[in-house]
Amino acid sequence: MHSVRRMVSSRFEKMRMELRRGSLVMAALAALQSEAYGYALRRRLSDVGLQVDEGTLYPLIRRLEDQGLLESRWGASDEGRRRRYYTISAQGRALLQELQTEWESMRQSLDQLTQSSPS
């Protein structure tokens, strides 16, 4: 019984990471509908329960910018430090809308599957 629990736990962690990886793009795009620098984005995600370490977040936002889904600018913080501020681009907004539609469709399908009683 203990080895079965360990095996399920290991599989769960792998599946959980796959699910998070796919969802993180949508979360970052949604969170950047208002401008933020990297740490503020990380905090914004954390505030809604999405813990993301820097080693995952910064490569993600650079990749999204390279793909034209984010725009950035250099600016000074309140403390006078230079920071790179990110916001979603028009292309990113269009993609986010499509992703949200797909997410809702999948959520409805999964709700039906998981809430239906076995025949």
PDB file of N, CA and C in Angstrom:
ATOM      1  N   MET A   1       0.830  -1.197   0.000  1.00  0.00           N
ATOM      2  CA  MET A   1       0.000   0.000   0.000  1.00  0.00           C
ATOM      3  C   MET A   1       0.875   1.262   0.000  1.00  0.00           C
ATOM      4  N   HIS A   2       1.946   1.252   0.790  1.00  0.00           N
ATOM      5  CA  HIS A   2       2.822   2.415   0.878  1.00  0.00           C
ATOM      6  C   HIS A   2       3.509   2.695  -0.458  1.00  0.00           C
ATOM      7  N   SER A   3       3.936   1.629  -1.169  1.00  0.00           N
ATOM      8  CA  SER A   3       4.606   1.812  -2.455  1.00  0.00           C
ATOM      9  C   SER A   3       3.626   2.332  -3.509  1.00  0.00           C
ATOM     10  N   VAL A   4       2.366   1.954  -3.427  1.00  0.00           N
ATOM     11  CA  VAL A   4       1.351   2.460  -4.351  1.00  0.00           C
ATOM     12  C   VAL A   4       1.170   3.960  -4.134  1.00  0.00           C
ATOM     13  N   ARG A   5       1.097   4.376  -2.879  1.00  0.00           N
ATOM     14  CA  ARG A   5       0.961   5.809  -2.567  1.00  0.00           C
ATOM     15  C   ARG A   5       2.150   6.607  -3.095  1.00  0.00           C
ATOM     16  N   ARG A   6       3.336   6.057  -2.926  1.00  0.00           N
ATOM     17  CA  ARG A   6       4.548   6.721  -3.398  1.00  0.00           C
ATOM     18  C   ARG A   6       4.528   6.840  -4.922  1.00  0.00           C
ATOM     19  N   MET A   7       4.111   5.785  -5.614  1.00  0.00           N
ATOM     20  CA  MET A   7       4.044   5.784  -7.070  1.00  0.00           C
ATOM     21  C   MET A   7       3.009   6.812  -7.550  1.00  0.00           C
ATOM     22  N   VAL A   8       1.849   6.851  -6.923  1.00  0.00           N
ATOM     23  CA  VAL A   8       0.808   7.814  -7.289  1.00  0.00           C
ATOM     24  C   VAL A   8       1.300   9.228  -7.030  1.00  0.00           C
ATOM     25  N   SER A   9       1.967   9.436  -5.914  1.00  0.00           N
ATOM     26  CA  SER A   9       2.490  10.754  -5.568  1.00  0.00           C
ATOM     27  C   SER A   9       3.511  11.214  -6.601  1.00  0.00           C
ATOM     28  N   SER A  10       4.374  10.334  -7.033  1.00  0.00           N
ATOM     29  CA  SER A  10       5.381  10.659  -8.034  1.00  0.00           C
ATOM     30  C   SER A  10       4.718  11.007  -9.368  1.00  0.00           C
ATOM     31  N   ARG A  11       3.748  10.229  -9.770  1.00  0.00           N
ATOM     32  CA  ARG A  11       3.024  10.513 -11.015  1.00  0.00           C
ATOM     33  C   ARG A  11       2.256  11.820 -10.912  1.00  0.00           C
ATOM     34  N   PHE A  12       1.651  12.033  -9.748  1.00  0.00           N
ATOM     35  CA  PHE A  12       0.909  13.273  -9.541  1.00  0.00           C
ATOM     36  C   PHE A  12       1.818  14.474  -9.732  1.00  0.00           C
ATOM     37  N   GLU A  13       3.014  14.447  -9.149  1.00  0.00           N
ATOM     38  CA  GLU A  13       3.936  15.580  -9.268  1.00  0.00           C
ATOM     39  C   GLU A  13       4.305  15.847 -10.718  1.00  0.00           C
ATOM     40  N   LYS A  14       4.537  14.802 -11.502  1.00  0.00           N
ATOM     41  CA  LYS A  14       4.876  14.976 -12.915  1.00  0.00           C
ATOM     42  C   LYS A  14       3.704  15.581 -13.681  1.00  0.00           C
ATOM     43  N   MET A  15       2.507  15.057 -13.442  1.00  0.00           N
ATOM     44  CA  MET A  15       1.311  15.564 -14.122  1.00  0.00           C
ATOM     45  C   MET A  15       1.001  16.992 -13.677  1.00  0.00           C
ATOM     46  N   ARG A  16       1.201  17.269 -12.421  1.00  0.00           N
ATOM     47  CA  ARG A  16       0.973  18.610 -11.876  1.00  0.00           C
ATOM     48  C   ARG A  16       1.889  19.616 -12.557  1.00  0.00           C
ATOM     49  N   MET A  17       3.144  19.239 -12.746  1.00  0.00           N
ATOM     50  CA  MET A  17       4.097  20.139 -13.400  1.00  0.00           C
ATOM     51  C   MET A  17       3.706  20.385 -14.857  1.00  0.00           C
ATOM     52  N   GLU A  18       3.231  19.368 -15.555  1.00  0.00           N
ATOM     53  CA  GLU A  18       2.784  19.539 -16.938  1.00  0.00           C
ATOM     54  C   GLU A  18       1.591  20.488 -17.005  1.00  0.00           C
ATOM     55  N   LEU A  19       0.653  20.312 -16.097  1.00  0.00           N
ATOM     56  CA  LEU A  19      -0.530  21.167 -16.054  1.00  0.00           C
ATOM     57  C   LEU A  19      -0.147  22.609 -15.760  1.00  0.00           C
ATOM     58  N   ARG A  20       0.743  22.806 -14.796  1.00  0.00           N
ATOM     59  CA  ARG A  20       1.197  24.159 -14.437  1.00  0.00           C
ATOM     60  C   ARG A  20       1.930  24.824 -15.602  1.00  0.00           C
ATOM     61  N   ARG A  21       2.781  24.054 -16.278  1.00  0.00           N
ATOM     62  CA  ARG A  21       3.558  24.605 -17.388  1.00  0.00           C
ATOM     63  C   ARG A  21       2.635  25.176 -18.461  1.00  0.00           C
ATOM     64  N   GLY A  22       1.605  24.432 -18.792  1.00  0.00           N
ATOM     65  CA  GLY A  22       0.665  24.891 -19.811  1.00  0.00           C
ATOM     66  C   GLY A  22      -0.177  26.066 -19.357  1.00  0.00           C
ATOM     67  N   SER A  23      -0.471  26.123 -18.091  1.00  0.00           N
ATOM     68  CA  SER A  23      -1.331  27.181 -17.550  1.00  0.00           C
ATOM     69  C   SER A  23      -0.571  28.468 -17.275  1.00  0.00           C
ATOM     70  N   LEU A  24       0.712  28.368 -17.074  1.00  0.00           N
ATOM     71  CA  LEU A  24       1.506  29.529 -16.681  1.00  0.00           C
ATOM     72  C   LEU A  24       1.553  30.610 -17.754  1.00  0.00           C
ATOM     73  N   VAL A  25       1.559  30.219 -19.019  1.00  0.00           N
ATOM     74  CA  VAL A  25       1.550  31.202 -20.104  1.00  0.00           C
ATOM     75  C   VAL A  25       0.285  32.043 -20.003  1.00  0.00           C
ATOM     76  N   MET A  26      -0.853  31.384 -19.867  1.00  0.00           N
ATOM     77  CA  MET A  26      -2.117  32.104 -19.769  1.00  0.00           C
ATOM     78  C   MET A  26      -2.137  32.989 -18.526  1.00  0.00           C
ATOM     79  N   ALA A  27      -1.631  32.500 -17.421  1.00  0.00           N
ATOM     80  CA  ALA A  27      -1.603  33.279 -16.183  1.00  0.00           C
ATOM     81  C   ALA A  27      -0.737  34.522 -16.336  1.00  0.00           C
ATOM     82  N   ALA A  28       0.434  34.373 -16.938  1.00  0.00           N
ATOM     83  CA  ALA A  28       1.331  35.524 -17.114  1.00  0.00           C
ATOM     84  C   ALA A  28       0.712  36.558 -18.039  1.00  0.00           C
ATOM     85  N   LEU A  29       0.119  36.118 -19.134  1.00  0.00           N
ATOM     86  CA  LEU A  29      -0.527  37.063 -20.047  1.00  0.00           C
ATOM     87  C   LEU A  29      -1.668  37.795 -19.354  1.00  0.00           C
ATOM     88  N   ALA A  30      -2.475  37.068 -18.608  1.00  0.00           N
ATOM     89  CA  ALA A  30      -3.598  37.688 -17.900  1.00  0.00           C
ATOM     90  C   ALA A  30      -3.101  38.674 -16.847  1.00  0.00           C
ATOM     91  N   ALA A  31      -2.054  38.299 -16.133  1.00  0.00           N
ATOM     92  CA  ALA A  31      -1.527  39.168 -15.072  1.00  0.00           C
ATOM     93  C   ALA A  31      -0.877  40.424 -15.639  1.00  0.00           C
ATOM     94  N   LEU A  32      -0.404  40.354 -16.874  1.00  0.00           N
ATOM     95  CA  LEU A  32       0.277  41.507 -17.466  1.00  0.00           C
ATOM     96  C   LEU A  32      -0.653  42.374 -18.316  1.00  0.00           C
ATOM     97  N   GLN A  33      -1.943  42.284 -18.045  1.00  0.00           N
ATOM     98  CA  GLN A  33      -2.875  43.216 -18.685  1.00  0.00           C
ATOM     99  C   GLN A  33      -2.663  44.620 -18.122  1.00  0.00           C
ATOM    100  N   SER A  34      -2.055  44.663 -16.944  1.00  0.00           N
ATOM    101  CA  SER A  34      -1.556  45.939 -16.432  1.00  0.00           C
ATOM    102  C   SER A  34      -0.053  45.769 -16.224  1.00  0.00           C
ATOM    103  N   GLU A  35       0.691  46.793 -16.536  1.00  0.00           N
ATOM    104  CA  GLU A  35       2.153  46.754 -16.558  1.00  0.00           C
ATOM    105  C   GLU A  35       2.755  46.333 -15.214  1.00  0.00           C
ATOM    106  N   ALA A  36       3.829  45.570 -15.292  1.00  0.00           N
ATOM    107  CA  ALA A  36       4.549  45.155 -14.083  1.00  0.00           C
ATOM    108  C   ALA A  36       5.975  44.788 -14.457  1.00  0.00           C
ATOM    109  N   TYR A  37       6.881  44.927 -13.513  1.00  0.00           N
ATOM    110  CA  TYR A  37       8.243  44.418 -13.704  1.00  0.00           C
ATOM    111  C   TYR A  37       8.263  42.987 -13.169  1.00  0.00           C
ATOM    112  N   GLY A  38       9.339  42.273 -13.401  1.00  0.00           N
ATOM    113  CA  GLY A  38       9.391  40.841 -13.105  1.00  0.00           C
ATOM    114  C   GLY A  38       8.989  40.452 -11.694  1.00  0.00           C
ATOM    115  N   TYR A  39       9.580  41.111 -10.700  1.00  0.00           N
ATOM    116  CA  TYR A  39       9.274  40.741  -9.317  1.00  0.00           C
ATOM    117  C   TYR A  39       7.820  41.042  -8.984  1.00  0.00           C
ATOM    118  N   ALA A  40       7.293  42.154  -9.479  1.00  0.00           N
ATOM    119  CA  ALA A  40       5.887  42.495  -9.221  1.00  0.00           C
ATOM    120  C   ALA A  40       4.966  41.470  -9.879  1.00  0.00           C
ATOM    121  N   LEU A  41       5.341  40.989 -11.063  1.00  0.00           N
ATOM    122  CA  LEU A  41       4.559  39.937 -11.722  1.00  0.00           C
ATOM    123  C   LEU A  41       4.580  38.674 -10.882  1.00  0.00           C
ATOM    124  N   ARG A  42       5.750  38.326 -10.404  1.00  0.00           N
ATOM    125  CA  ARG A  42       5.873  37.126  -9.551  1.00  0.00           C
ATOM    126  C   ARG A  42       4.993  37.257  -8.311  1.00  0.00           C
ATOM    127  N   ARG A  43       4.985  38.416  -7.707  1.00  0.00           N
ATOM    128  CA  ARG A  43       4.162  38.663  -6.521  1.00  0.00           C
ATOM    129  C   ARG A  43       2.673  38.627  -6.875  1.00  0.00           C
ATOM    130  N   ARG A  44       2.319  39.207  -8.015  1.00  0.00           N
ATOM    131  CA  ARG A  44       0.929  39.204  -8.478  1.00  0.00           C
ATOM    132  C   ARG A  44       0.427  37.772  -8.653  1.00  0.00           C
ATOM    133  N   LEU A  45       1.239  36.928  -9.264  1.00  0.00           N
ATOM    134  CA  LEU A  45       0.878  35.521  -9.447  1.00  0.00           C
ATOM    135  C   LEU A  45       0.779  34.811  -8.096  1.00  0.00           C
ATOM    136  N   SER A  46       1.724  35.079  -7.229  1.00  0.00           N
ATOM    137  CA  SER A  46       1.739  34.474  -5.900  1.00  0.00           C
ATOM    138  C   SER A  46       0.497  34.860  -5.096  1.00  0.00           C
ATOM    139  N   ASP A  47       0.065  36.103  -5.234  1.00  0.00           N
ATOM    140  CA  ASP A  47      -1.106  36.587  -4.498  1.00  0.00           C
ATOM    141  C   ASP A  47      -2.381  35.821  -4.842  1.00  0.00           C
ATOM    142  N   VAL A  48      -2.420  35.229  -6.030  1.00  0.00           N
ATOM    143  CA  VAL A  48      -3.604  34.439  -6.407  1.00  0.00           C
ATOM    144  C   VAL A  48      -3.351  32.933  -6.293  1.00  0.00           C
ATOM    145  N   GLY A  49      -2.225  32.573  -5.668  1.00  0.00           N
ATOM    146  CA  GLY A  49      -1.955  31.162  -5.397  1.00  0.00           C
ATOM    147  C   GLY A  49      -1.061  30.457  -6.391  1.00  0.00           C
ATOM    148  N   LEU A  50      -0.454  31.181  -7.317  1.00  0.00           N
ATOM    149  CA  LEU A  50       0.456  30.570  -8.292  1.00  0.00           C
ATOM    150  C   LEU A  50       1.892  30.907  -7.921  1.00  0.00           C
ATOM    151  N   GLN A  51       2.532  30.001  -7.211  1.00  0.00           N
ATOM    152  CA  GLN A  51       3.929  30.183  -6.815  1.00  0.00           C
ATOM    153  C   GLN A  51       4.818  29.831  -8.007  1.00  0.00           C
ATOM    154  N   VAL A  52       5.644  30.787  -8.430  1.00  0.00           N
ATOM    155  CA  VAL A  52       6.536  30.574  -9.573  1.00  0.00           C
ATOM    156  C   VAL A  52       7.919  31.058  -9.179  1.00  0.00           C
ATOM    157  N   ASP A  53       8.914  30.190  -9.340  1.00  0.00           N
ATOM    158  CA  ASP A  53      10.258  30.653  -8.986  1.00  0.00           C
ATOM    159  C   ASP A  53      10.855  31.460 -10.139  1.00  0.00           C
ATOM    160  N   GLU A  54      11.841  32.257  -9.801  1.00  0.00           N
ATOM    161  CA  GLU A  54      12.453  33.166 -10.769  1.00  0.00           C
ATOM    162  C   GLU A  54      13.042  32.422 -11.963  1.00  0.00           C
ATOM    163  N   GLY A  55      13.600  31.240 -11.713  1.00  0.00           N
ATOM    164  CA  GLY A  55      14.210  30.457 -12.783  1.00  0.00           C
ATOM    165  C   GLY A  55      13.209  29.980 -13.815  1.00  0.00           C
ATOM    166  N   THR A  56      11.944  30.017 -13.484  1.00  0.00           N
ATOM    167  CA  THR A  56      10.881  29.673 -14.428  1.00  0.00           C
ATOM    168  C   THR A  56      10.278  30.933 -15.034  1.00  0.00           C
ATOM    169  N   LEU A  57      10.041  31.938 -14.204  1.00  0.00           N
ATOM    170  CA  LEU A  57       9.318  33.132 -14.645  1.00  0.00           C
ATOM    171  C   LEU A  57      10.107  33.990 -15.630  1.00  0.00           C
ATOM    172  N   TYR A  58      11.362  34.299 -15.323  1.00  0.00           N
ATOM    173  CA  TYR A  58      12.111  35.213 -16.191  1.00  0.00           C
ATOM    174  C   TYR A  58      12.346  34.643 -17.589  1.00  0.00           C
ATOM    175  N   PRO A  59      12.715  33.374 -17.737  1.00  0.00           N
ATOM    176  CA  PRO A  59      12.811  32.829 -19.105  1.00  0.00           C
ATOM    177  C   PRO A  59      11.452  32.846 -19.826  1.00  0.00           C
ATOM    178  N   LEU A  60      10.367  32.631 -19.082  1.00  0.00           N
ATOM    179  CA  LEU A  60       9.037  32.651 -19.686  1.00  0.00           C
ATOM    180  C   LEU A  60       8.710  34.041 -20.236  1.00  0.00           C
ATOM    181  N   ILE A  61       8.927  35.081 -19.439  1.00  0.00           N
ATOM    182  CA  ILE A  61       8.565  36.413 -19.941  1.00  0.00           C
ATOM    183  C   ILE A  61       9.480  36.851 -21.093  1.00  0.00           C
ATOM    184  N   ARG A  62      10.735  36.427 -21.080  1.00  0.00           N
ATOM    185  CA  ARG A  62      11.614  36.738 -22.222  1.00  0.00           C
ATOM    186  C   ARG A  62      11.125  36.020 -23.482  1.00  0.00           C
ATOM    187  N   ARG A  63      10.721  34.757 -23.323  1.00  0.00           N
ATOM    188  CA  ARG A  63      10.214  33.989 -24.465  1.00  0.00           C
ATOM    189  C   ARG A  63       8.925  34.611 -25.003  1.00  0.00           C
ATOM    190  N   LEU A  64       8.013  35.013 -24.100  1.00  0.00           N
ATOM    191  CA  LEU A  64       6.763  35.632 -24.544  1.00  0.00           C
ATOM    192  C   LEU A  64       7.025  36.951 -25.262  1.00  0.00           C
ATOM    193  N   GLU A  65       8.017  37.692 -24.806  1.00  0.00           N
ATOM    194  CA  GLU A  65       8.371  38.942 -25.480  1.00  0.00           C
ATOM    195  C   GLU A  65       8.965  38.644 -26.858  1.00  0.00           C
ATOM    196  N   ASP A  66       9.848  37.652 -26.940  1.00  0.00           N
ATOM    197  CA  ASP A  66      10.443  37.270 -28.228  1.00  0.00           C
ATOM    198  C   ASP A  66       9.370  36.840 -29.229  1.00  0.00           C
ATOM    199  N   GLN A  67       8.288  36.254 -28.729  1.00  0.00           N
ATOM    200  CA  GLN A  67       7.193  35.800 -29.581  1.00  0.00           C
ATOM    201  C   GLN A  67       6.215  36.925 -29.929  1.00  0.00           C
ATOM    202  N   GLY A  68       6.460  38.119 -29.409  1.00  0.00           N
ATOM    203  CA  GLY A  68       5.596  39.255 -29.709  1.00  0.00           C
ATOM    204  C   GLY A  68       4.339  39.318 -28.857  1.00  0.00           C
ATOM    205  N   LEU A  69       4.276  38.516 -27.798  1.00  0.00           N
ATOM    206  CA  LEU A  69       3.085  38.480 -26.949  1.00  0.00           C
ATOM    207  C   LEU A  69       3.153  39.482 -25.806  1.00  0.00           C
ATOM    208  N   LEU A  70       4.365  39.955 -25.507  1.00  0.00           N
ATOM    209  CA  LEU A  70       4.574  40.983 -24.488  1.00  0.00           C
ATOM    210  C   LEU A  70       5.388  42.109 -25.090  1.00  0.00           C
ATOM    211  N   GLU A  71       5.206  43.286 -24.507  1.00  0.00           N
ATOM    212  CA  GLU A  71       6.044  44.438 -24.839  1.00  0.00           C
ATOM    213  C   GLU A  71       6.750  44.842 -23.555  1.00  0.00           C
ATOM    214  N   SER A  72       7.903  45.487 -23.696  1.00  0.00           N
ATOM    215  CA  SER A  72       8.613  45.916 -22.493  1.00  0.00           C
ATOM    216  C   SER A  72       9.209  47.296 -22.708  1.00  0.00           C
ATOM    217  N   ARG A  73       9.516  47.925 -21.606  1.00  0.00           N
ATOM    218  CA  ARG A  73      10.193  49.219 -21.625  1.00  0.00           C
ATOM    219  C   ARG A  73      11.038  49.304 -20.367  1.00  0.00           C
ATOM    220  N   TRP A  74      12.109  50.073 -20.455  1.00  0.00           N
ATOM    221  CA  TRP A  74      12.934  50.332 -19.284  1.00  0.00           C
ATOM    222  C   TRP A  74      12.380  51.565 -18.595  1.00  0.00           C
ATOM    223  N   GLY A  75      12.327  51.519 -17.283  1.00  0.00           N
ATOM    224  CA  GLY A  75      11.853  52.664 -16.520  1.00  0.00           C
ATOM    225  C   GLY A  75      12.480  52.654 -15.144  1.00  0.00           C
ATOM    226  N   ALA A  76      12.331  53.753 -14.449  1.00  0.00           N
ATOM    227  CA  ALA A  76      12.871  53.871 -13.093  1.00  0.00           C
ATOM    228  C   ALA A  76      11.785  53.551 -12.087  1.00  0.00           C
ATOM    229  N   SER A  77      12.160  52.840 -11.047  1.00  0.00           N
ATOM    230  CA  SER A  77      11.229  52.531  -9.968  1.00  0.00           C
ATOM    231  C   SER A  77      11.121  53.736  -9.043  1.00  0.00           C
ATOM    232  N   ASP A  78      10.267  53.630  -8.043  1.00  0.00           N
ATOM    233  CA  ASP A  78      10.132  54.699  -7.052  1.00  0.00           C
ATOM    234  C   ASP A  78      11.447  54.942  -6.321  1.00  0.00           C
ATOM    235  N   GLU A  79      12.265  53.886  -6.208  1.00  0.00           N
ATOM    236  CA  GLU A  79      13.556  54.008  -5.527  1.00  0.00           C
ATOM    237  C   GLU A  79      14.655  54.486  -6.470  1.00  0.00           C
ATOM    238  N   GLY A  80      14.309  54.718  -7.739  1.00  0.00           N
ATOM    239  CA  GLY A  80      15.290  55.198  -8.702  1.00  0.00           C
ATOM    240  C   GLY A  80      16.044  54.092  -9.433  1.00  0.00           C
ATOM    241  N   ARG A  81      15.759  52.833  -9.133  1.00  0.00           N
ATOM    242  CA  ARG A  81      16.418  51.716  -9.822  1.00  0.00           C
ATOM    243  C   ARG A  81      15.792  51.524 -11.202  1.00  0.00           C
ATOM    244  N   ARG A  82      16.631  51.169 -12.180  1.00  0.00           N
ATOM    245  CA  ARG A  82      16.098  50.867 -13.516  1.00  0.00           C
ATOM    246  C   ARG A  82      15.509  49.469 -13.512  1.00  0.00           C
ATOM    247  N   ARG A  83      14.313  49.369 -14.053  1.00  0.00           N
ATOM    248  CA  ARG A  83      13.620  48.087 -14.138  1.00  0.00           C
ATOM    249  C   ARG A  83      13.009  47.942 -15.517  1.00  0.00           C
ATOM    250  N   ARG A  84      12.843  46.688 -15.901  1.00  0.00           N
ATOM    251  CA  ARG A  84      12.176  46.413 -17.172  1.00  0.00           C
ATOM    252  C   ARG A  84      10.714  46.119 -16.860  1.00  0.00           C
ATOM    253  N   TYR A  85       9.825  46.903 -17.448  1.00  0.00           N
ATOM    254  CA  TYR A  85       8.391  46.759 -17.234  1.00  0.00           C
ATOM    255  C   TYR A  85       7.768  46.055 -18.434  1.00  0.00           C
ATOM    256  N   TYR A  86       6.883  45.115 -18.149  1.00  0.00           N
ATOM    257  CA  TYR A  86       6.243  44.310 -19.188  1.00  0.00           C
ATOM    258  C   TYR A  86       4.744  44.544 -19.195  1.00  0.00           C
ATOM    259  N   THR A  87       4.167  44.440 -20.393  1.00  0.00           N
ATOM    260  CA  THR A  87       2.716  44.487 -20.548  1.00  0.00           C
ATOM    261  C   THR A  87       2.342  43.633 -21.756  1.00  0.00           C
ATOM    262  N   ILE A  88       1.133  43.161 -21.757  1.00  0.00           N
ATOM    263  CA  ILE A  88       0.664  42.313 -22.855  1.00  0.00           C
ATOM    264  C   ILE A  88       0.524  43.149 -24.128  1.00  0.00           C
ATOM    265  N   SER A  89       0.882  42.573 -25.265  1.00  0.00           N
ATOM    266  CA  SER A  89       0.767  43.257 -26.557  1.00  0.00           C
ATOM    267  C   SER A  89      -0.612  42.966 -27.156  1.00  0.00           C
ATOM    268  N   ALA A  90      -0.927  43.611 -28.266  1.00  0.00           N
ATOM    269  CA  ALA A  90      -2.200  43.348 -28.957  1.00  0.00           C
ATOM    270  C   ALA A  90      -2.266  41.877 -29.385  1.00  0.00           C
ATOM    271  N   GLN A  91      -1.160  41.363 -29.875  1.00  0.00           N
ATOM    272  CA  GLN A  91      -1.103  39.948 -30.271  1.00  0.00           C
ATOM    273  C   GLN A  91      -1.296  39.047 -29.048  1.00  0.00           C
ATOM    274  N   GLY A  92      -0.713  39.434 -27.928  1.00  0.00           N
ATOM    275  CA  GLY A  92      -0.872  38.672 -26.689  1.00  0.00           C
ATOM    276  C   GLY A  92      -2.306  38.689 -26.193  1.00  0.00           C
ATOM    277  N   ARG A  93      -2.989  39.839 -26.319  1.00  0.00           N
ATOM    278  CA  ARG A  93      -4.397  39.927 -25.910  1.00  0.00           C
ATOM    279  C   ARG A  93      -5.260  39.008 -26.752  1.00  0.00           C
ATOM    280  N   ALA A  94      -5.006  38.964 -28.053  1.00  0.00           N
ATOM    281  CA  ALA A  94      -5.767  38.086 -28.943  1.00  0.00           C
ATOM    282  C   ALA A  94      -5.541  36.620 -28.568  1.00  0.00           C
ATOM    283  N   LEU A  95      -4.278  36.263 -28.312  1.00  0.00           N
ATOM    284  CA  LEU A  95      -3.982  34.888 -27.913  1.00  0.00           C
ATOM    285  C   LEU A  95      -4.611  34.562 -26.567  1.00  0.00           C
ATOM    286  N   LEU A  96      -4.533  35.484 -25.618  1.00  0.00           N
ATOM    287  CA  LEU A  96      -5.125  35.264 -24.297  1.00  0.00           C
ATOM    288  C   LEU A  96      -6.618  34.988 -24.417  1.00  0.00           C
ATOM    289  N   GLN A  97      -7.292  35.740 -25.255  1.00  0.00           N
ATOM    290  CA  GLN A  97      -8.728  35.526 -25.444  1.00  0.00           C
ATOM    291  C   GLN A  97      -8.997  34.118 -25.976  1.00  0.00           C
ATOM    292  N   GLU A  98      -8.204  33.681 -26.944  1.00  0.00           N
ATOM    293  CA  GLU A  98      -8.367  32.328 -27.482  1.00  0.00           C
ATOM    294  C   GLU A  98      -8.058  31.265 -26.428  1.00  0.00           C
ATOM    295  N   LEU A  99      -7.009  31.485 -25.657  1.00  0.00           N
ATOM    296  CA  LEU A  99      -6.657  30.534 -24.602  1.00  0.00           C
ATOM    297  C   LEU A  99      -7.751  30.457 -23.539  1.00  0.00           C
ATOM    298  N   GLN A 100      -8.333  31.595 -23.186  1.00  0.00           N
ATOM    299  CA  GLN A 100      -9.401  31.604 -22.183  1.00  0.00           C
ATOM    300  C   GLN A 100     -10.632  30.858 -22.688  1.00  0.00           C
ATOM    301  N   THR A 101     -10.952  31.018 -23.966  1.00  0.00           N
ATOM    302  CA  THR A 101     -12.077  30.291 -24.558  1.00  0.00           C
ATOM    303  C   THR A 101     -11.815  28.790 -24.517  1.00  0.00           C
ATOM    304  N   GLU A 102     -10.604  28.404 -24.892  1.00  0.00           N
ATOM    305  CA  GLU A 102     -10.236  26.973 -24.867  1.00  0.00           C
ATOM    306  C   GLU A 102     -10.247  26.435 -23.436  1.00  0.00           C
ATOM    307  N   TRP A 103      -9.712  27.220 -22.502  1.00  0.00           N
ATOM    308  CA  TRP A 103      -9.683  26.823 -21.088  1.00  0.00           C
ATOM    309  C   TRP A 103     -11.104  26.570 -20.576  1.00  0.00           C
ATOM    310  N   GLU A 104     -12.007  27.478 -20.883  1.00  0.00           N
ATOM    311  CA  GLU A 104     -13.394  27.349 -20.424  1.00  0.00           C
ATOM    312  C   GLU A 104     -14.052  26.112 -21.026  1.00  0.00           C
ATOM    313  N   SER A 105     -13.807  25.858 -22.293  1.00  0.00           N
ATOM    314  CA  SER A 105     -14.356  24.674 -22.950  1.00  0.00           C
ATOM    315  C   SER A 105     -13.826  23.395 -22.291  1.00  0.00           C
ATOM    316  N   MET A 106     -12.520  23.366 -22.044  1.00  0.00           N
ATOM    317  CA  MET A 106     -11.924  22.191 -21.388  1.00  0.00           C
ATOM    318  C   MET A 106     -12.453  22.030 -19.965  1.00  0.00           C
ATOM    319  N   ARG A 107     -12.594  23.145 -19.246  1.00  0.00           N
ATOM    320  CA  ARG A 107     -13.098  23.091 -17.880  1.00  0.00           C
ATOM    321  C   ARG A 107     -14.508  22.514 -17.852  1.00  0.00           C
ATOM    322  N   GLN A 108     -15.347  22.951 -18.777  1.00  0.00           N
ATOM    323  CA  GLN A 108     -16.715  22.438 -18.832  1.00  0.00           C
ATOM    324  C   GLN A 108     -16.729  20.939 -19.142  1.00  0.00           C
ATOM    325  N   SER A 109     -15.905  20.522 -20.079  1.00  0.00           N
ATOM    326  CA  SER A 109     -15.827  19.095 -20.422  1.00  0.00           C
ATOM    327  C   SER A 109     -15.333  18.275 -19.238  1.00  0.00           C
ATOM    328  N   LEU A 110     -14.286  18.763 -18.576  1.00  0.00           N
ATOM    329  CA  LEU A 110     -13.748  18.040 -17.421  1.00  0.00           C
ATOM    330  C   LEU A 110     -14.751  18.001 -16.274  1.00  0.00           C
ATOM    331  N   ASP A 111     -15.480  19.103 -16.081  1.00  0.00           N
ATOM    332  CA  ASP A 111     -16.524  19.108 -15.049  1.00  0.00           C
ATOM    333  C   ASP A 111     -17.551  18.031 -15.327  1.00  0.00           C
ATOM    334  N   GLN A 112     -17.953  17.898 -16.589  1.00  0.00           N
ATOM    335  CA  GLN A 112     -18.935  16.870 -16.939  1.00  0.00           C
ATOM    336  C   GLN A 112     -18.391  15.478 -16.677  1.00  0.00           C
ATOM    337  N   LEU A 113     -17.139  15.263 -17.026  1.00  0.00           N
ATOM    338  CA  LEU A 113     -16.535  13.941 -16.838  1.00  0.00           C
ATOM    339  C   LEU A 113     -16.338  13.591 -15.354  1.00  0.00           C
ATOM    340  N   THR A 114     -15.896  14.566 -14.587  1.00  0.00           N
ATOM    341  CA  THR A 114     -15.586  14.279 -13.183  1.00  0.00           C
ATOM    342  C   THR A 114     -16.810  14.326 -12.286  1.00  0.00           C
ATOM    343  N   GLN A 115     -17.870  14.988 -12.712  1.00  0.00           N
ATOM    344  CA  GLN A 115     -19.058  15.080 -11.881  1.00  0.00           C
ATOM    345  C   GLN A 115     -20.136  14.089 -12.261  1.00  0.00           C
ATOM    346  N   SER A 116     -19.952  13.405 -13.374  1.00  0.00           N
ATOM    347  CA  SER A 116     -20.969  12.434 -13.781  1.00  0.00           C
ATOM    348  C   SER A 116     -20.803  11.168 -12.943  1.00  0.00           C
ATOM    349  N   SER A 117     -21.914  10.560 -12.625  1.00  0.00           N
ATOM    350  CA  SER A 117     -21.857   9.326 -11.854  1.00  0.00           C
ATOM    351  C   SER A 117     -21.665   8.151 -12.791  1.00  0.00           C
ATOM    352  N   PRO A 118     -20.907   7.140 -12.369  1.00  0.00           N
ATOM    353  CA  PRO A 118     -20.670   5.971 -13.232  1.00  0.00           C
ATOM    354  C   PRO A 118     -21.971   5.229 -13.509  1.00  0.00           C
ATOM    355  N   SER A 119     -22.090   4.725 -14.717  1.00  0.00           N
ATOM    356  CA  SER A 119     -23.320   4.001 -15.119  1.00  0.00           C
ATOM    357  C   SER A 119     -23.365   2.624 -14.559  1.00  0.00           C
TER     358      SER A 119
END
